N, C-alpha and C. Protein backbone atom coordinates (compact mmCIF):
# COMPACT_ATOMS: atom_id res chain seq x y z
N MET A 1 88.05 134.41 140.86
CA MET A 1 87.17 134.01 139.81
C MET A 1 87.86 132.94 138.96
N LYS A 2 87.19 131.80 138.77
CA LYS A 2 87.71 130.69 137.99
C LYS A 2 87.37 130.86 136.53
N ARG A 3 88.34 130.47 135.72
CA ARG A 3 88.13 130.54 134.29
C ARG A 3 87.80 129.14 133.77
N SER A 4 86.72 128.96 133.05
CA SER A 4 86.36 127.63 132.54
C SER A 4 86.96 127.44 131.14
N GLN A 5 87.34 126.20 130.89
CA GLN A 5 87.95 125.88 129.60
C GLN A 5 86.86 125.50 128.61
N SER A 6 86.89 126.10 127.45
CA SER A 6 85.93 125.75 126.41
C SER A 6 86.69 125.48 125.12
N GLY A 7 86.50 124.27 124.55
CA GLY A 7 87.20 123.91 123.32
C GLY A 7 88.52 123.23 123.61
N ILE A 8 89.32 123.10 122.57
CA ILE A 8 90.62 122.46 122.70
C ILE A 8 91.71 123.44 122.31
N THR A 9 92.87 123.19 122.81
CA THR A 9 93.99 124.09 122.50
C THR A 9 94.68 123.62 121.23
N LEU A 10 95.50 124.47 120.71
CA LEU A 10 96.25 124.15 119.50
C LEU A 10 97.22 123.00 119.76
N ILE A 11 97.81 122.95 120.90
CA ILE A 11 98.75 121.88 121.24
C ILE A 11 98.03 120.53 121.30
N GLU A 12 96.87 120.48 121.89
CA GLU A 12 96.11 119.24 121.93
C GLU A 12 95.76 118.77 120.52
N LEU A 13 95.39 119.70 119.67
CA LEU A 13 95.06 119.37 118.29
C LEU A 13 96.29 118.83 117.56
N MET A 14 97.45 119.43 117.79
CA MET A 14 98.69 118.98 117.15
C MET A 14 99.08 117.57 117.64
N VAL A 15 98.87 117.28 118.90
CA VAL A 15 99.18 115.95 119.44
C VAL A 15 98.27 114.91 118.79
N VAL A 16 97.00 115.21 118.66
CA VAL A 16 96.06 114.29 118.03
C VAL A 16 96.46 114.05 116.57
N MET A 17 96.82 115.11 115.86
CA MET A 17 97.23 114.98 114.46
C MET A 17 98.51 114.14 114.35
N ALA A 18 99.43 114.29 115.27
CA ALA A 18 100.67 113.51 115.26
C ALA A 18 100.38 112.03 115.48
N VAL A 19 99.49 111.73 116.40
CA VAL A 19 99.12 110.33 116.66
C VAL A 19 98.44 109.72 115.43
N ILE A 20 97.55 110.46 114.80
CA ILE A 20 96.88 109.96 113.59
C ILE A 20 97.89 109.75 112.47
N GLY A 21 98.83 110.66 112.32
CA GLY A 21 99.87 110.52 111.31
C GLY A 21 100.73 109.30 111.55
N LEU A 22 101.08 109.06 112.79
CA LEU A 22 101.89 107.91 113.14
C LEU A 22 101.15 106.60 112.86
N LEU A 23 99.90 106.53 113.22
CA LEU A 23 99.10 105.34 112.95
C LEU A 23 98.94 105.10 111.44
N ALA A 24 98.74 106.17 110.68
CA ALA A 24 98.62 106.04 109.23
C ALA A 24 99.93 105.58 108.61
N ALA A 25 101.04 106.07 109.13
CA ALA A 25 102.35 105.68 108.59
C ALA A 25 102.62 104.19 108.81
N ILE A 26 102.05 103.62 109.83
CA ILE A 26 102.21 102.20 110.10
C ILE A 26 101.16 101.38 109.35
N ALA A 27 99.93 101.83 109.32
CA ALA A 27 98.82 101.05 108.78
C ALA A 27 98.80 101.00 107.25
N ILE A 28 99.10 102.07 106.57
CA ILE A 28 98.96 102.10 105.12
C ILE A 28 99.93 101.15 104.42
N PRO A 29 101.24 101.14 104.74
CA PRO A 29 102.12 100.16 104.10
C PRO A 29 101.74 98.71 104.41
N SER A 30 101.28 98.47 105.63
CA SER A 30 100.87 97.13 106.00
C SER A 30 99.66 96.69 105.17
N TYR A 31 98.73 97.58 104.97
CA TYR A 31 97.55 97.29 104.16
C TYR A 31 97.95 97.03 102.71
N ARG A 32 98.87 97.82 102.17
CA ARG A 32 99.31 97.62 100.78
C ARG A 32 99.97 96.26 100.60
N ARG A 33 100.79 95.84 101.57
CA ARG A 33 101.41 94.52 101.49
C ARG A 33 100.35 93.42 101.51
N TYR A 34 99.32 93.61 102.32
CA TYR A 34 98.23 92.65 102.39
C TYR A 34 97.51 92.55 101.04
N VAL A 35 97.25 93.67 100.40
CA VAL A 35 96.56 93.68 99.11
C VAL A 35 97.39 92.97 98.05
N VAL A 36 98.70 93.20 98.05
CA VAL A 36 99.59 92.53 97.09
C VAL A 36 99.53 91.03 97.29
N ARG A 37 99.60 90.57 98.54
CA ARG A 37 99.54 89.14 98.83
C ARG A 37 98.18 88.56 98.44
N ALA A 38 97.12 89.30 98.67
CA ALA A 38 95.78 88.82 98.31
C ALA A 38 95.64 88.70 96.79
N ASN A 39 96.23 89.63 96.05
CA ASN A 39 96.16 89.56 94.59
C ASN A 39 96.91 88.35 94.05
N ARG A 40 97.96 87.93 94.74
CA ARG A 40 98.69 86.73 94.31
C ARG A 40 97.77 85.52 94.30
N THR A 41 96.84 85.48 95.23
CA THR A 41 95.89 84.38 95.30
C THR A 41 95.06 84.29 94.02
N ASP A 42 94.70 85.45 93.47
CA ASP A 42 93.95 85.46 92.20
C ASP A 42 94.75 84.78 91.10
N ALA A 43 96.05 85.06 91.04
CA ALA A 43 96.90 84.47 90.00
C ALA A 43 97.01 82.96 90.18
N LYS A 44 97.26 82.54 91.40
CA LYS A 44 97.42 81.10 91.65
C LYS A 44 96.12 80.35 91.37
N THR A 45 95.01 80.92 91.77
CA THR A 45 93.71 80.30 91.54
C THR A 45 93.43 80.18 90.04
N ALA A 46 93.69 81.25 89.30
CA ALA A 46 93.45 81.22 87.86
C ALA A 46 94.33 80.18 87.17
N LEU A 47 95.59 80.08 87.57
CA LEU A 47 96.48 79.09 86.97
C LEU A 47 96.00 77.67 87.28
N LEU A 48 95.65 77.42 88.52
CA LEU A 48 95.20 76.07 88.90
C LEU A 48 93.90 75.69 88.22
N GLN A 49 92.96 76.64 88.10
CA GLN A 49 91.70 76.34 87.43
C GLN A 49 91.89 76.11 85.94
N THR A 50 92.78 76.89 85.33
CA THR A 50 93.07 76.70 83.91
C THR A 50 93.75 75.35 83.68
N ALA A 51 94.67 74.99 84.56
CA ALA A 51 95.35 73.69 84.46
C ALA A 51 94.34 72.56 84.59
N GLN A 52 93.40 72.69 85.50
CA GLN A 52 92.37 71.66 85.65
C GLN A 52 91.53 71.52 84.38
N ALA A 53 91.18 72.66 83.78
CA ALA A 53 90.40 72.62 82.54
C ALA A 53 91.21 71.96 81.42
N LEU A 54 92.50 72.26 81.34
CA LEU A 54 93.35 71.62 80.32
C LEU A 54 93.45 70.12 80.56
N GLU A 55 93.56 69.73 81.81
CA GLU A 55 93.63 68.30 82.13
C GLU A 55 92.33 67.58 81.77
N ARG A 56 91.20 68.24 82.00
CA ARG A 56 89.91 67.65 81.60
C ARG A 56 89.85 67.48 80.08
N CYS A 57 90.33 68.48 79.35
CA CYS A 57 90.36 68.38 77.89
C CYS A 57 91.27 67.25 77.46
N TYR A 58 92.42 67.13 78.11
CA TYR A 58 93.37 66.08 77.76
C TYR A 58 92.76 64.70 78.03
N THR A 59 92.03 64.58 79.11
CA THR A 59 91.38 63.32 79.45
C THR A 59 90.33 62.95 78.40
N ASN A 60 89.61 63.94 77.91
CA ASN A 60 88.55 63.68 76.93
C ASN A 60 89.06 63.49 75.51
N SER A 61 90.20 64.15 75.17
CA SER A 61 90.60 64.13 73.76
C SER A 61 92.08 63.93 73.51
N SER A 62 92.85 63.66 74.52
CA SER A 62 94.30 63.42 74.47
C SER A 62 95.18 64.65 74.31
N PRO A 63 95.20 65.39 73.19
CA PRO A 63 96.17 66.48 73.13
C PRO A 63 95.71 67.73 73.89
N TYR A 64 96.65 68.42 74.56
CA TYR A 64 96.33 69.68 75.24
C TYR A 64 95.97 70.77 74.24
N ALA A 65 96.51 70.68 73.05
CA ALA A 65 96.29 71.72 72.04
C ALA A 65 95.02 71.49 71.24
N TYR A 66 94.16 70.61 71.69
CA TYR A 66 92.92 70.30 70.98
C TYR A 66 92.10 71.58 70.77
N ASN A 67 91.61 71.76 69.57
CA ASN A 67 90.86 72.97 69.24
C ASN A 67 89.37 72.72 69.11
N GLY A 68 88.88 71.69 69.73
CA GLY A 68 87.45 71.40 69.68
C GLY A 68 86.65 72.45 70.43
N THR A 69 85.37 72.47 70.21
CA THR A 69 84.50 73.46 70.82
C THR A 69 84.56 73.42 72.34
N THR A 70 84.53 72.24 72.92
CA THR A 70 84.53 72.11 74.37
C THR A 70 85.80 72.70 74.98
N CYS A 71 86.95 72.33 74.44
CA CYS A 71 88.21 72.79 75.02
C CYS A 71 88.46 74.27 74.74
N THR A 72 88.05 74.76 73.59
CA THR A 72 88.27 76.16 73.27
C THR A 72 87.47 77.05 74.21
N THR A 73 86.24 76.69 74.52
CA THR A 73 85.45 77.52 75.42
C THR A 73 85.89 77.34 76.87
N ALA A 74 86.35 76.15 77.22
CA ALA A 74 86.78 75.90 78.60
C ALA A 74 88.14 76.53 78.89
N VAL A 75 89.01 76.60 77.87
CA VAL A 75 90.37 77.08 78.08
C VAL A 75 90.71 78.11 77.00
N SER A 76 90.24 79.33 77.20
CA SER A 76 90.57 80.38 76.25
C SER A 76 91.69 81.22 76.84
N LEU A 77 92.81 81.25 76.12
CA LEU A 77 94.00 81.98 76.57
C LEU A 77 94.35 83.04 75.54
N PRO A 78 94.87 84.18 75.91
CA PRO A 78 95.08 84.69 77.27
C PRO A 78 93.80 85.31 77.81
N PHE A 79 93.78 85.53 79.12
CA PHE A 79 92.66 86.22 79.75
C PHE A 79 93.16 87.00 80.97
N LEU A 80 92.40 87.98 81.35
CA LEU A 80 92.70 88.81 82.51
C LEU A 80 91.87 88.29 83.68
N VAL A 81 92.49 88.08 84.85
CA VAL A 81 91.72 87.62 86.00
C VAL A 81 90.69 88.68 86.37
N GLN A 82 89.68 88.28 87.08
CA GLN A 82 88.55 89.16 87.37
C GLN A 82 88.97 90.46 88.06
N SER A 83 89.95 90.40 88.95
CA SER A 83 90.39 91.61 89.65
C SER A 83 91.23 92.52 88.76
N GLY A 84 91.67 92.03 87.61
CA GLY A 84 92.46 92.83 86.68
C GLY A 84 93.93 92.96 87.05
N THR A 85 94.38 92.15 88.02
CA THR A 85 95.75 92.28 88.50
C THR A 85 96.73 91.35 87.80
N TYR A 86 96.26 90.31 87.13
CA TYR A 86 97.13 89.37 86.44
C TYR A 86 96.54 89.01 85.08
N ASN A 87 97.43 88.83 84.10
CA ASN A 87 97.05 88.33 82.79
C ASN A 87 97.58 86.90 82.69
N VAL A 88 96.69 85.97 82.41
CA VAL A 88 97.07 84.56 82.31
C VAL A 88 97.20 84.20 80.84
N SER A 89 98.38 83.70 80.49
CA SER A 89 98.64 83.27 79.12
C SER A 89 99.24 81.87 79.17
N GLY A 90 99.36 81.25 78.03
CA GLY A 90 99.92 79.91 78.03
C GLY A 90 100.39 79.47 76.68
N VAL A 91 101.25 78.47 76.71
CA VAL A 91 101.73 77.82 75.50
C VAL A 91 101.30 76.36 75.61
N ARG A 92 100.58 75.89 74.58
CA ARG A 92 100.11 74.51 74.58
C ARG A 92 100.69 73.76 73.39
N THR A 93 101.11 72.56 73.64
CA THR A 93 101.48 71.63 72.57
C THR A 93 100.58 70.42 72.73
N ALA A 94 100.80 69.43 71.92
CA ALA A 94 99.95 68.23 72.00
C ALA A 94 100.09 67.51 73.33
N ASN A 95 101.27 67.55 73.94
CA ASN A 95 101.50 66.76 75.14
C ASN A 95 101.91 67.57 76.37
N ALA A 96 101.93 68.88 76.28
CA ALA A 96 102.37 69.69 77.43
C ALA A 96 101.80 71.11 77.34
N TYR A 97 101.89 71.80 78.45
CA TYR A 97 101.50 73.22 78.50
C TYR A 97 102.34 73.93 79.55
N VAL A 98 102.47 75.23 79.38
CA VAL A 98 103.09 76.10 80.38
C VAL A 98 102.18 77.31 80.50
N LEU A 99 101.64 77.53 81.69
CA LEU A 99 100.77 78.66 81.96
C LEU A 99 101.54 79.72 82.74
N THR A 100 101.31 80.98 82.41
CA THR A 100 102.01 82.08 83.08
C THR A 100 101.00 83.13 83.49
N ALA A 101 101.08 83.59 84.74
CA ALA A 101 100.27 84.70 85.23
C ALA A 101 101.20 85.89 85.43
N THR A 102 101.05 86.91 84.59
CA THR A 102 101.91 88.09 84.61
C THR A 102 101.18 89.23 85.30
N PRO A 103 101.81 89.89 86.29
CA PRO A 103 101.14 90.98 86.99
C PRO A 103 100.88 92.17 86.08
N GLN A 104 99.80 92.87 86.35
CA GLN A 104 99.39 94.03 85.57
C GLN A 104 99.21 95.24 86.49
N GLY A 105 99.41 96.41 85.95
CA GLY A 105 99.15 97.66 86.68
C GLY A 105 99.96 97.80 87.95
N PRO A 106 99.30 98.25 89.03
CA PRO A 106 100.01 98.46 90.30
C PRO A 106 100.63 97.19 90.87
N GLN A 107 100.04 96.05 90.58
CA GLN A 107 100.60 94.78 91.07
C GLN A 107 101.98 94.55 90.48
N ALA A 108 102.18 94.92 89.22
CA ALA A 108 103.47 94.72 88.56
C ALA A 108 104.57 95.57 89.19
N THR A 109 104.22 96.77 89.63
CA THR A 109 105.24 97.65 90.20
C THR A 109 105.47 97.41 91.68
N SER A 110 104.48 96.90 92.37
CA SER A 110 104.62 96.76 93.82
C SER A 110 105.01 95.36 94.28
N ASP A 111 104.91 94.36 93.40
CA ASP A 111 105.25 92.99 93.80
C ASP A 111 106.52 92.53 93.11
N THR A 112 107.65 92.73 93.77
CA THR A 112 108.92 92.28 93.21
C THR A 112 109.33 90.92 93.78
N GLU A 113 108.72 90.52 94.88
CA GLU A 113 109.05 89.22 95.48
C GLU A 113 108.55 88.07 94.63
N CYS A 114 107.29 88.11 94.29
CA CYS A 114 106.66 87.04 93.52
C CYS A 114 106.00 87.65 92.29
N ALA A 115 106.78 87.93 91.28
CA ALA A 115 106.27 88.65 90.13
C ALA A 115 105.34 87.77 89.29
N ALA A 116 105.86 87.03 88.35
CA ALA A 116 105.04 86.20 87.47
C ALA A 116 105.04 84.76 87.97
N PHE A 117 103.87 84.17 88.01
CA PHE A 117 103.71 82.77 88.43
C PHE A 117 103.64 81.89 87.19
N ARG A 118 104.26 80.70 87.27
CA ARG A 118 104.21 79.74 86.17
C ARG A 118 103.82 78.36 86.70
N LEU A 119 103.05 77.67 85.88
CA LEU A 119 102.63 76.30 86.20
C LEU A 119 102.69 75.50 84.90
N ASN A 120 103.29 74.32 84.95
CA ASN A 120 103.35 73.52 83.71
C ASN A 120 102.61 72.20 83.88
N SER A 121 102.58 71.42 82.81
CA SER A 121 101.79 70.20 82.78
C SER A 121 102.32 69.12 83.73
N THR A 122 103.56 69.23 84.19
CA THR A 122 104.09 68.27 85.16
C THR A 122 103.75 68.68 86.60
N GLY A 123 103.16 69.87 86.76
CA GLY A 123 102.82 70.36 88.08
C GLY A 123 103.88 71.24 88.70
N ALA A 124 104.96 71.52 87.98
CA ALA A 124 106.04 72.36 88.52
C ALA A 124 105.55 73.80 88.65
N GLN A 125 105.73 74.36 89.83
CA GLN A 125 105.30 75.71 90.14
C GLN A 125 106.54 76.59 90.32
N THR A 126 106.66 77.62 89.48
CA THR A 126 107.81 78.52 89.55
C THR A 126 107.33 79.96 89.58
N VAL A 127 108.26 80.87 89.91
CA VAL A 127 107.97 82.31 89.89
C VAL A 127 109.19 83.05 89.37
N THR A 128 108.94 84.26 88.89
CA THR A 128 110.03 85.18 88.62
C THR A 128 109.95 86.23 89.71
N GLY A 129 111.03 86.57 90.31
CA GLY A 129 111.05 87.52 91.41
C GLY A 129 112.16 87.17 92.37
N THR A 130 112.19 87.88 93.48
CA THR A 130 113.28 87.71 94.43
C THR A 130 113.05 86.58 95.43
N ALA A 131 111.82 86.15 95.59
CA ALA A 131 111.52 85.10 96.57
C ALA A 131 111.55 83.72 95.92
N ALA A 132 111.67 82.71 96.74
CA ALA A 132 111.67 81.33 96.25
C ALA A 132 110.26 80.93 95.84
N ALA A 133 110.18 80.06 94.86
CA ALA A 133 108.87 79.62 94.36
C ALA A 133 108.05 78.96 95.46
N SER A 134 108.71 78.18 96.32
CA SER A 134 107.96 77.50 97.37
C SER A 134 107.33 78.51 98.34
N VAL A 135 107.99 79.61 98.56
CA VAL A 135 107.44 80.65 99.45
C VAL A 135 106.25 81.34 98.79
N CYS A 136 106.40 81.70 97.52
CA CYS A 136 105.34 82.42 96.82
C CYS A 136 104.08 81.57 96.62
N TRP A 137 104.25 80.32 96.28
CA TRP A 137 103.09 79.48 96.04
C TRP A 137 102.41 79.08 97.34
N ARG A 138 103.11 79.17 98.48
CA ARG A 138 102.52 78.83 99.77
C ARG A 138 101.76 79.98 100.37
N LYS A 139 102.20 81.20 100.17
CA LYS A 139 101.58 82.38 100.81
C LYS A 139 100.18 82.59 100.34
């Protein structure tokens, strides 16, 4: 008399759980690194857009620190990027500016390579962190 198998054994279940655990151990850190890199794009975009707005104000009225209605509404500092991962602040004088995007929340604790991004009126792009500025601004 043959015995038919119905269901799965405990060993089969344990093997499946081990495979799922192994895949999760590889996939989750990779996903987190991807999210950190994607959030950096928000900071760089915000800095570049703010710099463009300041340049437009400078073209129309000469000083970067102009407090006219147009420039104040176009360039209000500081502000939080839409994703909430970076706070953009800046220092403006009549002839120059320095913009800084500082990481907030989980981005601040998980991104040590490219922490805070800086952009100034000469176009110099710098970062605070362990990686080189050219690497961070390119990624």
